[in-house]
Amino acid sequence: MLTIYKVKQGCIMLFRHFFQLTLSMSLLVPNLLMAQNLTNSSKLNTFQLSQIPALDNKKPISIVAEQGFLSEHLRTSLLPRFSEHTGVKVNLMPMPLDDMYDKQNKALINGEGKFDLLSMEAGWSKEWASNGFTLPLNSLAKQYDYQGEQGMKMHLAPFYKNLLHILSYQGQYHSIPYNNYTMGNHYRLDLFEHSEEKIAFQNQYGYSLAPPNSIKSLIDVSRFFTRKKGEFLAGKRLTRDFYGLTLMSGNRPHINDEFSSLLWGVGGAWLRPIYNETGDIALFNVEANSKEALYVARSYLQLLEFAVPATKHHAFLESANAIANSQAAMYPFAYNNLWAVSAQVEKNFPGAKLGISTTPLGKPYTGAYALAVAYDSKNPEAAYWLLKYITSFEGQRAYAKGGGNPSRADVALLDEFNTKSAFAVSGSFQQNHLDNLAWGDQVLKLGHFTSTAMGKIYPELMRTSYLIRSRQASPEDALDQLQQKIFELQNYHGEAAAFNKTKEAHE
């Protein structure tokens, strides 16, 4: 989960080399054709601020935004333009992520009409839609859009399919993604390409040094690059300790995203939907204490031996700064909207080069922050048009230029983001694009992205991951407790029942 941020032709060729290592050509070619279709479609139907019609309802509206880059982007750029064009005042309500769910959820339960445009993490979207807290986009378009439902259909065409699947509910879209936080491996390309380091790794491990593609190679590479002060790295004597990787291992939501990426990569899941013959979810299998989950938990504890020392507050920004400050060789589970932070290493340390690949097992945590119109909005018409403007080509392009990670393929693939001068901002866009396409419909096979109880389950995943990481509980005990907790939460809050799958973790 969570929050915020091309390259010279030689670099592009390098990226393509990595893509070929992680994606077969049978997957790559159709995906690139799909991306081209998305791009062509959006160019024909690019919605602009000037196309918002005169609004009869001038009541002020409010929008919730995560405190930080997004809220500043809205305050200084998009919201003033929207108000000038429509005559509708917009009250910006920035919130830290830790408060966003509880504050908005309480207001929605009580029908306070406090928020017109809601901001949500992908994991909450189905819950709020199932509770009737968010309005279906097609219904809003039918009522307010001069192009009707077709206007919304064209608007959504360039968005990544995996993100729309995650945000959908019973075949309808209630929210639109604006900030894509799909993960990638931000690694020190100069170290991985250094001739002495490559020879040493080959001699020690018997295979070539490259971005990890398995748990074994992740541990090997992390161990290899971990050095003590006074030892040599890339031909230079270290003046401080250096680490193989940085992990978001604090008592924050992001630790679970690392666990989840590893778990999905080895074929596991916390819970898995079972579909009936009509294509609807009949039930969920809870698999939290599977042998795959236990393997991941034990492997994570091994990785901590080679990770930048972390406090309980260590999360995404601390990890990105560890790369920027040249403390680690890689940030293997980096949210790609943090690329602009990681890339500062090139400015801070002359000669350093940052590269990107997919996450070690090719299943990066994926998702997005999204916006939706609240059911109790005092001005749903204005809220609809603001939602459409913020997520338009114009809005997403401006967001990307400022360091945000776009949710639209047509923006991610713009030539202006594929230049040397833009590398520090958009160097992750190409890999991020391919990973989103690779996910596609696959997100529908995981309960993480299909359960309406995920907003309640997710905090338990975080709690369990940290219990394991901090050794407050053994992996076996923590996962057994999680198994039962997910079973209870899904059956209490979810729309489909959970089945407590036979325990196999300790077999």
Protein backbone atom coordinates (compact mmCIF):
# COMPACT_ATOMS: atom_id res chain seq x y z
CA MET A 1 0.00 0.00 0.00
CA LEU A 2 0.89 3.49 0.12
CA THR A 3 2.45 6.91 -1.08
CA ILE A 4 4.66 9.49 -3.86
CA TYR A 5 6.64 9.78 -7.39
CA LYS A 6 13.39 8.84 -19.45
CA VAL A 7 15.82 8.35 -20.33
CA LYS A 8 18.61 8.34 -22.84
CA GLN A 9 18.22 5.80 -25.62
CA GLY A 10 20.96 3.64 -24.14
CA CYS A 11 18.95 3.40 -20.89
CA ILE A 12 15.81 2.49 -22.80
CA MET A 13 17.62 -0.40 -24.44
CA LEU A 14 18.77 -1.51 -21.00
CA PHE A 15 15.24 -1.41 -19.66
CA ARG A 16 14.07 -3.50 -22.60
CA HIS A 17 16.72 -6.04 -21.74
CA PHE A 18 15.32 -6.35 -18.22
CA PHE A 19 11.75 -6.53 -19.52
CA GLN A 20 12.70 -9.49 -21.68
CA LEU A 21 14.13 -11.23 -18.65
CA THR A 22 10.86 -10.86 -16.74
CA LEU A 23 8.22 -11.15 -19.44
CA SER A 24 8.03 -13.63 -22.26
CA MET A 25 7.56 -12.28 -25.76
CA SER A 26 4.17 -13.99 -25.91
CA LEU A 27 3.03 -11.67 -23.12
CA LEU A 28 4.98 -8.59 -24.12
CA VAL A 29 3.78 -8.21 -27.71
CA PRO A 30 0.03 -8.35 -26.99
CA ASN A 31 0.51 -5.99 -24.04
CA LEU A 32 2.36 -3.42 -26.12
CA LEU A 33 -0.37 -3.64 -28.76
CA MET A 34 -2.96 -3.12 -26.02
CA ALA A 35 -1.08 -0.07 -24.79
CA GLN A 36 -0.97 1.33 -28.31
CA ASN A 37 -4.73 0.87 -28.63
CA LEU A 38 -5.25 2.66 -25.31
CA THR A 39 -3.04 5.52 -26.43
CA ASN A 40 -4.78 5.89 -29.78
CA SER A 41 -8.21 5.71 -28.15
CA SER A 42 -7.43 8.44 -25.62
CA LYS A 43 -6.01 10.77 -28.26
CA LEU A 44 -9.36 10.63 -30.03
CA ASN A 45 -11.36 11.23 -26.85
CA THR A 46 -9.23 13.50 -24.66
CA PHE A 47 -11.44 15.27 -22.14
CA GLN A 48 -10.39 18.83 -21.24
CA LEU A 49 -11.38 21.40 -18.64
CA SER A 50 -12.97 23.56 -21.33
CA GLN A 51 -15.47 20.78 -22.04
CA ILE A 52 -17.09 20.99 -18.61
CA PRO A 53 -20.51 22.55 -19.26
CA ALA A 54 -22.07 25.38 -17.28
CA LEU A 55 -23.18 24.03 -13.91
CA ASP A 56 -26.49 25.09 -12.40
CA ASN A 57 -25.53 23.96 -8.91
CA LYS A 58 -22.85 26.30 -7.56
CA LYS A 59 -22.74 24.90 -4.04
CA PRO A 60 -19.14 24.53 -2.80
CA ILE A 61 -17.76 21.02 -2.75
CA SER A 62 -15.07 19.37 -0.65
CA ILE A 63 -12.40 16.88 -1.65
CA VAL A 64 -10.27 14.67 0.58
CA ALA A 65 -6.65 14.22 -0.48
CA GLU A 66 -3.67 12.58 1.12
CA GLN A 67 -1.53 15.19 2.82
CA GLY A 68 1.64 15.85 0.87
CA PHE A 69 2.43 15.93 -2.83
CA LEU A 70 -1.12 15.32 -4.08
CA SER A 71 -2.77 17.90 -1.85
CA GLU A 72 -0.20 20.51 -2.88
CA HIS A 73 -0.65 19.62 -6.54
CA LEU A 74 -4.40 20.07 -6.24
CA ARG A 75 -4.16 23.28 -4.22
CA THR A 76 -1.72 25.05 -6.53
CA SER A 77 -2.82 23.73 -9.90
CA LEU A 78 -5.99 21.79 -10.66
CA LEU A 79 -8.48 23.13 -8.11
CA PRO A 80 -7.98 26.85 -8.89
CA ARG A 81 -8.44 26.12 -12.60
CA PHE A 82 -11.60 24.11 -11.94
CA SER A 83 -13.12 26.83 -9.75
CA GLU A 84 -12.26 29.56 -12.24
CA HIS A 85 -13.96 27.66 -15.05
CA THR A 86 -17.05 26.43 -13.20
CA GLY A 87 -17.60 29.05 -10.51
CA VAL A 88 -17.72 26.27 -7.90
CA LYS A 89 -15.50 26.71 -4.87
CA VAL A 90 -13.59 23.61 -3.82
CA ASN A 91 -12.57 23.05 -0.21
CA LEU A 92 -9.45 20.92 -0.02
CA MET A 93 -9.28 18.67 3.04
CA PRO A 94 -5.77 17.16 3.33
CA MET A 95 -5.39 14.18 5.66
CA PRO A 96 -2.54 11.86 6.59
CA LEU A 97 -3.13 8.38 5.23
CA ASP A 98 -3.46 6.92 8.73
CA ASP A 99 -6.58 9.06 9.32
CA MET A 100 -8.25 8.89 5.91
CA TYR A 101 -10.22 5.69 6.34
CA ASP A 102 -11.60 6.30 9.83
CA LYS A 103 -12.55 9.95 9.33
CA GLN A 104 -14.26 9.43 6.01
CA ASN A 105 -15.92 6.17 7.05
CA LYS A 106 -17.40 7.72 10.18
CA ALA A 107 -18.84 10.64 8.21
CA LEU A 108 -20.29 8.28 5.60
CA ILE A 109 -21.90 6.00 8.19
CA ASN A 110 -23.56 9.02 9.82
CA GLY A 111 -24.59 10.60 6.51
CA GLU A 112 -22.95 13.89 7.43
CA GLY A 113 -22.55 15.09 3.84
CA LYS A 114 -19.13 16.32 4.86
CA PHE A 115 -17.18 15.09 1.84
CA ASP A 116 -18.20 15.32 -1.82
CA LEU A 117 -15.18 13.64 -3.37
CA LEU A 118 -13.77 10.79 -1.32
CA SER A 119 -10.16 9.69 -1.49
CA MET A 120 -9.46 6.02 -0.93
CA GLU A 121 -6.84 3.33 -0.98
CA ALA A 122 -7.78 0.54 -3.38
CA GLY A 123 -8.45 -1.87 -0.52
CA TRP A 124 -11.39 0.21 0.73
CA SER A 125 -13.12 0.73 -2.60
CA LYS A 126 -15.21 -2.44 -2.73
CA GLU A 127 -16.24 -2.08 0.91
CA TRP A 128 -17.51 1.46 0.42
CA ALA A 129 -19.24 0.55 -2.84
CA SER A 130 -20.97 -2.45 -1.27
CA ASN A 131 -22.17 -0.23 1.58
CA GLY A 132 -23.63 2.26 -0.91
CA PHE A 133 -21.21 4.99 0.18
CA THR A 134 -19.97 5.72 -3.36
CA LEU A 135 -22.06 6.45 -6.46
CA PRO A 136 -21.66 4.34 -9.63
CA LEU A 137 -19.88 6.32 -12.34
CA ASN A 138 -22.25 5.20 -15.09
CA SER A 139 -25.24 6.50 -13.13
CA LEU A 140 -23.51 9.85 -12.61
CA ALA A 141 -22.55 10.05 -16.29
CA LYS A 142 -26.09 9.23 -17.38
CA GLN A 143 -27.42 12.05 -15.23
CA TYR A 144 -24.79 14.77 -15.70
CA ASP A 145 -22.54 14.03 -18.70
CA TYR A 146 -23.64 15.44 -22.07
CA GLN A 147 -22.14 12.29 -23.64
CA GLY A 148 -24.02 10.05 -21.23
CA GLU A 149 -22.54 6.70 -20.22
CA GLN A 150 -20.41 6.69 -23.37
CA GLY A 151 -18.57 9.72 -22.01
CA MET A 152 -17.42 7.77 -18.97
CA LYS A 153 -16.62 4.67 -21.03
CA MET A 154 -14.29 6.71 -23.25
CA HIS A 155 -12.79 8.43 -20.22
CA LEU A 156 -11.85 5.10 -18.57
CA ALA A 157 -10.41 3.50 -21.73
CA PRO A 158 -6.76 4.58 -21.15
CA PHE A 159 -6.62 3.43 -17.51
CA TYR A 160 -4.76 0.27 -16.60
CA LYS A 161 -7.09 -2.70 -16.51
CA ASN A 162 -5.72 -4.15 -13.28
CA LEU A 163 -6.41 -0.89 -11.43
CA LEU A 164 -9.98 -0.70 -12.73
CA HIS A 165 -10.59 -4.32 -11.73
CA ILE A 166 -9.37 -3.62 -8.21
CA LEU A 167 -11.66 -0.60 -7.92
CA SER A 168 -14.76 -2.20 -9.48
CA TYR A 169 -17.74 -3.62 -7.65
CA GLN A 170 -20.19 -6.10 -9.20
CA GLY A 171 -19.12 -5.12 -12.68
CA GLN A 172 -19.53 -1.38 -12.10
CA TYR A 173 -16.94 1.33 -11.53
CA HIS A 174 -17.42 3.61 -8.56
CA SER A 175 -14.00 5.27 -8.41
CA ILE A 176 -11.18 6.35 -10.72
CA PRO A 177 -7.48 5.86 -9.91
CA TYR A 178 -5.16 8.85 -9.91
CA ASN A 179 -1.97 7.68 -8.12
CA ASN A 180 -0.59 4.30 -9.19
CA TYR A 181 1.67 2.71 -6.57
CA THR A 182 2.59 -0.53 -8.34
CA MET A 183 5.99 -1.69 -7.07
CA GLY A 184 9.35 -2.09 -8.78
CA ASN A 185 12.93 -2.87 -7.78
CA HIS A 186 14.93 0.37 -7.60
CA TYR A 187 18.53 -0.80 -7.67
CA ARG A 188 22.04 0.59 -8.09
CA LEU A 189 22.75 -0.11 -11.73
CA ASP A 190 26.35 1.07 -11.40
CA LEU A 191 27.05 -1.55 -8.72
CA PHE A 192 25.33 -4.37 -10.56
CA GLU A 193 27.33 -3.53 -13.70
CA HIS A 194 30.70 -3.06 -12.00
CA SER A 195 33.13 -5.59 -13.47
CA GLU A 196 34.83 -6.50 -10.19
CA GLU A 197 31.49 -7.01 -8.43
CA LYS A 198 30.18 -9.17 -11.29
CA ILE A 199 33.25 -11.40 -11.21
CA ALA A 200 33.14 -11.71 -7.42
CA PHE A 201 29.45 -12.63 -7.42
CA GLN A 202 29.92 -15.22 -10.18
CA ASN A 203 32.78 -16.81 -8.28
CA GLN A 204 30.87 -16.86 -5.01
CA TYR A 205 27.41 -17.98 -6.14
CA GLY A 206 27.99 -19.66 -9.49
CA TYR A 207 25.61 -17.53 -11.55
CA SER A 208 25.56 -14.02 -13.00
CA LEU A 209 24.84 -10.92 -10.95
CA ALA A 210 21.47 -9.46 -11.95
CA PRO A 211 18.34 -8.04 -10.31
CA PRO A 212 16.86 -10.92 -8.25
CA ASN A 213 14.10 -13.07 -9.73
CA SER A 214 13.55 -15.52 -6.86
CA ILE A 215 13.71 -15.56 -3.08
CA LYS A 216 17.03 -17.42 -3.25
CA SER A 217 18.63 -14.85 -5.56
CA LEU A 218 17.13 -12.03 -3.47
CA ILE A 219 18.86 -13.39 -0.38
CA ASP A 220 22.09 -14.08 -2.30
CA VAL A 221 22.32 -10.59 -3.81
CA SER A 222 21.38 -8.95 -0.51
CA ARG A 223 24.06 -10.90 1.35
CA PHE A 224 26.65 -10.20 -1.36
CA PHE A 225 26.28 -6.42 -1.29
CA THR A 226 26.23 -6.12 2.52
CA ARG A 227 29.63 -4.72 3.53
CA LYS A 228 31.21 -3.30 6.66
CA LYS A 229 32.91 0.06 6.97
CA GLY A 230 36.46 -0.25 5.65
CA GLU A 231 35.62 -2.98 3.13
CA PHE A 232 35.61 -2.29 -0.60
CA LEU A 233 32.58 -1.71 -2.82
CA ALA A 234 33.00 -1.13 -6.56
CA GLY A 235 36.71 -0.52 -6.01
CA LYS A 236 36.29 2.08 -3.27
CA ARG A 237 36.82 1.75 0.46
CA LEU A 238 33.60 2.28 2.42
CA THR A 239 33.48 5.00 5.07
CA ARG A 240 30.32 3.50 6.61
CA ASP A 241 28.39 0.25 6.58
CA PHE A 242 26.55 -0.59 3.36
CA TYR A 243 23.55 -2.90 3.03
CA GLY A 244 22.23 -5.26 0.41
CA LEU A 245 18.69 -3.93 0.53
CA THR A 246 16.25 -1.68 2.32
CA LEU A 247 12.89 -2.97 3.54
CA MET A 248 9.74 -1.19 4.74
CA SER A 249 9.90 -3.28 7.89
CA GLY A 250 8.38 -0.88 10.42
CA ASN A 251 5.02 -1.21 12.13
CA ARG A 252 3.31 0.45 9.20
CA PRO A 253 0.95 -0.87 6.49
CA HIS A 254 3.72 -1.18 3.91
CA ILE A 255 5.42 -4.18 5.51
CA ASN A 256 2.43 -6.29 4.49
CA ASP A 257 2.80 -5.16 0.87
CA GLU A 258 6.29 -6.67 0.86
CA PHE A 259 5.00 -9.90 2.39
CA SER A 260 2.15 -9.98 -0.14
CA SER A 261 4.44 -9.48 -3.13
CA LEU A 262 6.60 -12.37 -2.00
CA LEU A 263 3.61 -14.56 -1.19
CA TRP A 264 1.96 -14.04 -4.57
CA GLY A 265 5.30 -14.62 -6.24
CA VAL A 266 5.57 -18.13 -4.81
CA GLY A 267 1.98 -18.95 -5.75
CA GLY A 268 0.31 -18.29 -2.41
CA ALA A 269 -2.47 -15.97 -1.26
CA TRP A 270 -3.92 -14.73 2.00
CA LEU A 271 -7.37 -15.65 0.72
CA ARG A 272 -8.52 -16.76 -2.70
CA PRO A 273 -11.90 -16.29 -4.41
CA ILE A 274 -13.77 -19.32 -5.76
CA TYR A 275 -16.07 -18.45 -8.66
CA ASN A 276 -19.32 -20.20 -9.57
CA GLU A 277 -20.56 -21.12 -13.03
CA THR A 278 -22.03 -17.64 -13.60
CA GLY A 279 -18.73 -15.93 -12.87
CA ASP A 280 -19.70 -14.63 -9.44
CA ILE A 281 -17.66 -15.20 -6.27
CA ALA A 282 -19.23 -18.09 -4.37
CA LEU A 283 -16.82 -18.16 -1.43
CA PHE A 284 -13.23 -17.51 -0.35
CA ASN A 285 -10.56 -19.98 0.68
CA VAL A 286 -8.46 -18.58 3.51
CA GLU A 287 -4.83 -19.67 3.02
CA ALA A 288 -2.94 -17.44 5.45
CA ASN A 289 -1.12 -20.27 7.22
CA SER A 290 -0.12 -22.17 4.09
CA LYS A 291 3.35 -23.58 3.54
CA GLU A 292 3.94 -20.75 1.04
CA ALA A 293 3.15 -18.12 3.67
CA LEU A 294 5.45 -19.80 6.17
CA TYR A 295 8.26 -19.91 3.60
CA VAL A 296 7.82 -16.20 2.92
CA ALA A 297 7.82 -15.33 6.62
CA ARG A 298 11.03 -17.26 7.29
CA SER A 299 12.66 -15.77 4.19
CA TYR A 300 11.75 -12.23 5.28
CA LEU A 301 13.50 -12.81 8.59
CA GLN A 302 16.61 -13.86 6.65
CA LEU A 303 16.47 -10.71 4.53
CA LEU A 304 16.45 -8.51 7.62
CA GLU A 305 20.05 -9.62 8.29
CA PHE A 306 21.15 -7.69 5.19
CA ALA A 307 18.74 -4.75 5.39
CA VAL A 308 19.30 -1.15 6.44
CA PRO A 309 18.61 -1.01 10.22
CA ALA A 310 15.02 0.09 10.77
CA THR A 311 12.89 1.41 13.61
CA LYS A 312 9.23 0.62 14.04
CA HIS A 313 8.46 3.78 12.05
CA HIS A 314 10.51 2.71 9.00
CA ALA A 315 8.34 2.75 5.86
CA PHE A 316 8.35 3.84 2.21
CA LEU A 317 10.02 7.23 2.55
CA GLU A 318 12.78 5.95 4.80
CA SER A 319 13.51 3.17 2.30
CA ALA A 320 13.54 5.52 -0.69
CA ASN A 321 15.88 7.83 1.22
CA ALA A 322 18.15 4.88 1.97
CA ILE A 323 18.67 4.54 -1.79
CA ALA A 324 18.99 8.30 -2.27
CA ASN A 325 21.65 8.39 0.48
CA SER A 326 23.57 5.39 -0.93
CA GLN A 327 22.99 3.13 2.06
CA ALA A 328 21.75 0.10 0.12
CA ALA A 329 22.15 -1.67 -3.22
CA MET A 330 18.43 -2.02 -3.85
CA TYR A 331 14.92 -1.23 -2.72
CA PRO A 332 13.30 -4.38 -4.13
CA PHE A 333 9.71 -3.55 -3.13
CA ALA A 334 9.63 0.15 -3.97
CA TYR A 335 6.40 1.90 -4.80
CA ASN A 336 7.14 3.42 -8.17
CA ASN A 337 5.57 6.71 -7.19
CA LEU A 338 8.72 7.12 -5.05
CA TRP A 339 11.06 7.00 -8.04
CA ALA A 340 11.75 10.73 -7.81
CA VAL A 341 13.08 10.20 -4.28
CA SER A 342 15.19 7.13 -5.07
CA ALA A 343 16.64 8.81 -8.18
CA GLN A 344 18.21 11.56 -6.08
CA VAL A 345 21.12 9.17 -5.53
CA GLU A 346 22.43 10.16 -8.96
CA LYS A 347 22.62 13.80 -7.90
CA ASN A 348 23.85 13.10 -4.41
CA PHE A 349 26.62 10.69 -5.42
CA PRO A 350 28.33 11.40 -8.76
CA GLY A 351 28.81 8.18 -10.69
CA ALA A 352 25.81 6.46 -9.12
CA LYS A 353 23.21 5.15 -11.56
CA LEU A 354 19.73 3.98 -10.70
CA GLY A 355 18.03 1.13 -12.54
CA ILE A 356 14.64 -0.51 -12.30
CA SER A 357 13.31 -4.01 -12.80
CA THR A 358 10.18 -5.80 -11.73
CA THR A 359 10.05 -7.02 -8.13
CA PRO A 360 12.05 -10.17 -7.31
CA LEU A 361 9.31 -12.70 -8.06
CA GLY A 362 7.47 -10.72 -10.72
CA LYS A 363 4.33 -10.08 -8.67
CA PRO A 364 4.68 -6.48 -7.46
CA TYR A 365 2.13 -5.16 -5.04
CA THR A 366 -0.26 -3.21 -7.24
CA GLY A 367 -3.03 -0.72 -6.75
CA ALA A 368 -3.85 2.94 -6.69
CA TYR A 369 -5.36 5.72 -4.72
CA ALA A 370 -8.70 6.66 -6.20
CA LEU A 371 -11.44 9.25 -6.03
CA ALA A 372 -15.20 8.68 -5.87
CA VAL A 373 -18.34 10.76 -5.43
CA ALA A 374 -19.95 10.29 -2.01
CA TYR A 375 -23.58 9.20 -1.82
CA ASP A 376 -24.41 12.14 0.46
CA SER A 377 -22.68 14.80 -1.63
CA LYS A 378 -24.43 18.18 -1.61
CA ASN A 379 -23.35 18.81 -5.21
CA PRO A 380 -22.77 15.49 -7.03
CA GLU A 381 -22.81 17.22 -10.41
CA ALA A 382 -19.78 19.40 -9.63
CA ALA A 383 -18.10 16.49 -7.83
CA TYR A 384 -18.52 14.33 -10.94
CA TRP A 385 -16.89 16.90 -13.21
CA LEU A 386 -14.04 17.55 -10.78
CA LEU A 387 -13.41 13.81 -10.59
CA LYS A 388 -13.32 13.62 -14.38
CA TYR A 389 -11.00 16.62 -14.63
CA ILE A 390 -8.47 15.44 -12.02
CA THR A 391 -8.23 12.06 -13.77
CA SER A 392 -8.24 13.48 -17.30
CA PHE A 393 -5.26 13.32 -19.65
CA GLU A 394 -4.52 16.93 -18.73
CA GLY A 395 -4.78 16.28 -15.01
CA GLN A 396 -2.73 13.07 -15.03
CA ARG A 397 -0.06 14.61 -17.28
CA ALA A 398 0.37 17.52 -14.88
CA TYR A 399 0.47 15.09 -11.97
CA ALA A 400 3.13 12.97 -13.68
CA LYS A 401 5.28 16.00 -14.55
CA GLY A 402 5.33 16.86 -10.86
CA GLY A 403 6.57 13.41 -9.86
CA GLY A 404 3.35 11.41 -9.52
CA ASN A 405 2.95 7.95 -11.03
CA PRO A 406 0.12 8.00 -13.62
CA SER A 407 -2.72 5.51 -13.76
CA ARG A 408 -3.28 6.12 -17.48
CA ALA A 409 -1.22 4.30 -20.13
CA ASP A 410 -1.50 7.19 -22.57
CA VAL A 411 0.23 9.49 -20.07
CA ALA A 412 2.87 6.97 -19.00
CA LEU A 413 3.91 6.39 -22.62
CA LEU A 414 4.24 10.03 -23.64
CA ASP A 415 7.51 10.80 -25.45
CA GLU A 416 8.21 13.68 -23.08
CA PHE A 417 8.61 11.18 -20.24
CA ASN A 418 10.99 9.06 -22.28
CA THR A 419 13.91 11.50 -22.28
CA LYS A 420 17.13 11.93 -20.34
CA SER A 421 15.94 15.18 -18.80
CA ALA A 422 12.81 13.50 -17.41
CA PHE A 423 14.61 10.46 -15.99
CA ALA A 424 14.62 11.70 -12.40
CA VAL A 425 10.84 12.02 -12.49
CA SER A 426 9.62 9.29 -14.82
CA GLY A 427 12.38 6.67 -15.00
CA SER A 428 10.01 4.06 -13.57
CA PHE A 429 7.14 4.62 -16.00
CA GLN A 430 8.14 2.00 -18.58
CA GLN A 431 8.63 -0.84 -16.09
CA ASN A 432 5.57 0.22 -14.14
CA HIS A 433 3.57 0.14 -17.38
CA LEU A 434 4.64 -3.42 -18.19
CA ASP A 435 3.93 -4.68 -14.68
CA ASN A 436 0.43 -3.19 -14.72
CA LEU A 437 -0.25 -4.89 -18.05
CA ALA A 438 1.17 -8.18 -16.76
CA TRP A 439 -1.25 -8.12 -13.84
CA GLY A 440 -4.33 -7.47 -16.02
CA ASP A 441 -7.11 -9.88 -15.08
CA GLN A 442 -4.82 -11.79 -12.71
CA VAL A 443 -5.84 -9.54 -9.81
CA LEU A 444 -9.26 -11.20 -9.93
CA LYS A 445 -7.67 -14.44 -8.68
CA LEU A 446 -6.68 -12.92 -5.33
CA GLY A 447 -8.99 -12.17 -2.42
CA HIS A 448 -6.79 -9.17 -1.68
CA PHE A 449 -8.41 -7.41 -4.66
CA THR A 450 -11.87 -9.01 -4.67
CA SER A 451 -13.07 -9.14 -1.06
CA THR A 452 -15.43 -6.43 0.18
CA ALA A 453 -13.97 -6.99 3.66
CA MET A 454 -10.44 -6.07 2.63
CA GLY A 455 -10.59 -2.74 4.44
CA LYS A 456 -10.97 -4.72 7.68
CA ILE A 457 -8.58 -7.53 6.78
CA TYR A 458 -5.67 -5.38 5.63
CA PRO A 459 -4.77 -4.02 9.11
CA GLU A 460 -4.54 -7.61 10.35
CA LEU A 461 -2.06 -8.43 7.59
CA MET A 462 0.07 -5.50 8.70
CA ARG A 463 -0.14 -6.49 12.35
CA THR A 464 0.82 -10.09 11.63
CA SER A 465 3.70 -9.13 9.35
CA TYR A 466 5.16 -6.89 12.04
CA LEU A 467 4.68 -9.50 14.76
CA ILE A 468 6.78 -11.85 12.66
CA ARG A 469 9.35 -9.23 11.72
CA SER A 470 9.83 -8.09 15.33
CA ARG A 471 9.89 -11.70 16.56
CA GLN A 472 7.07 -11.04 18.98
CA ALA A 473 5.49 -14.22 17.66
CA SER A 474 6.83 -17.16 15.74
CA PRO A 475 5.85 -17.33 12.06
CA GLU A 476 3.80 -20.45 12.80
CA ASP A 477 1.80 -18.91 15.64
CA ALA A 478 1.32 -15.55 13.93
CA LEU A 479 0.05 -17.11 10.71
CA ASP A 480 -2.28 -19.49 12.56
CA GLN A 481 -3.82 -16.50 14.35
CA LEU A 482 -4.11 -14.60 11.07
CA GLN A 483 -5.84 -17.57 9.44
CA GLN A 484 -8.60 -17.50 12.03
CA LYS A 485 -8.88 -13.71 12.02
CA ILE A 486 -9.33 -13.46 8.24
CA PHE A 487 -11.92 -16.24 8.42
CA GLU A 488 -13.90 -14.30 11.02
CA LEU A 489 -13.59 -10.89 9.31
CA GLN A 490 -14.59 -12.20 5.90
CA ASN A 491 -17.63 -13.97 7.31
CA TYR A 492 -18.64 -10.96 9.39
CA HIS A 493 -17.98 -8.13 6.93
CA GLY A 494 -17.72 -9.76 3.50
CA GLU A 495 -20.48 -10.48 1.02
CA ALA A 496 -19.24 -14.01 0.26
CA ALA A 497 -18.52 -16.58 2.95
CA ALA A 498 -15.02 -17.73 3.82
CA PHE A 499 -13.92 -21.34 4.01
CA ASN A 500 -11.23 -22.08 6.60
CA LYS A 501 -8.95 -24.10 4.35
CA THR A 502 -7.25 -27.11 5.91
CA LYS A 503 -4.06 -26.01 7.61
CA GLU A 504 -0.97 -27.04 5.71
CA ALA A 505 1.68 -24.62 6.95
CA HIS A 506 3.36 -27.07 9.29
CA GLU A 507 3.11 -30.19 7.16
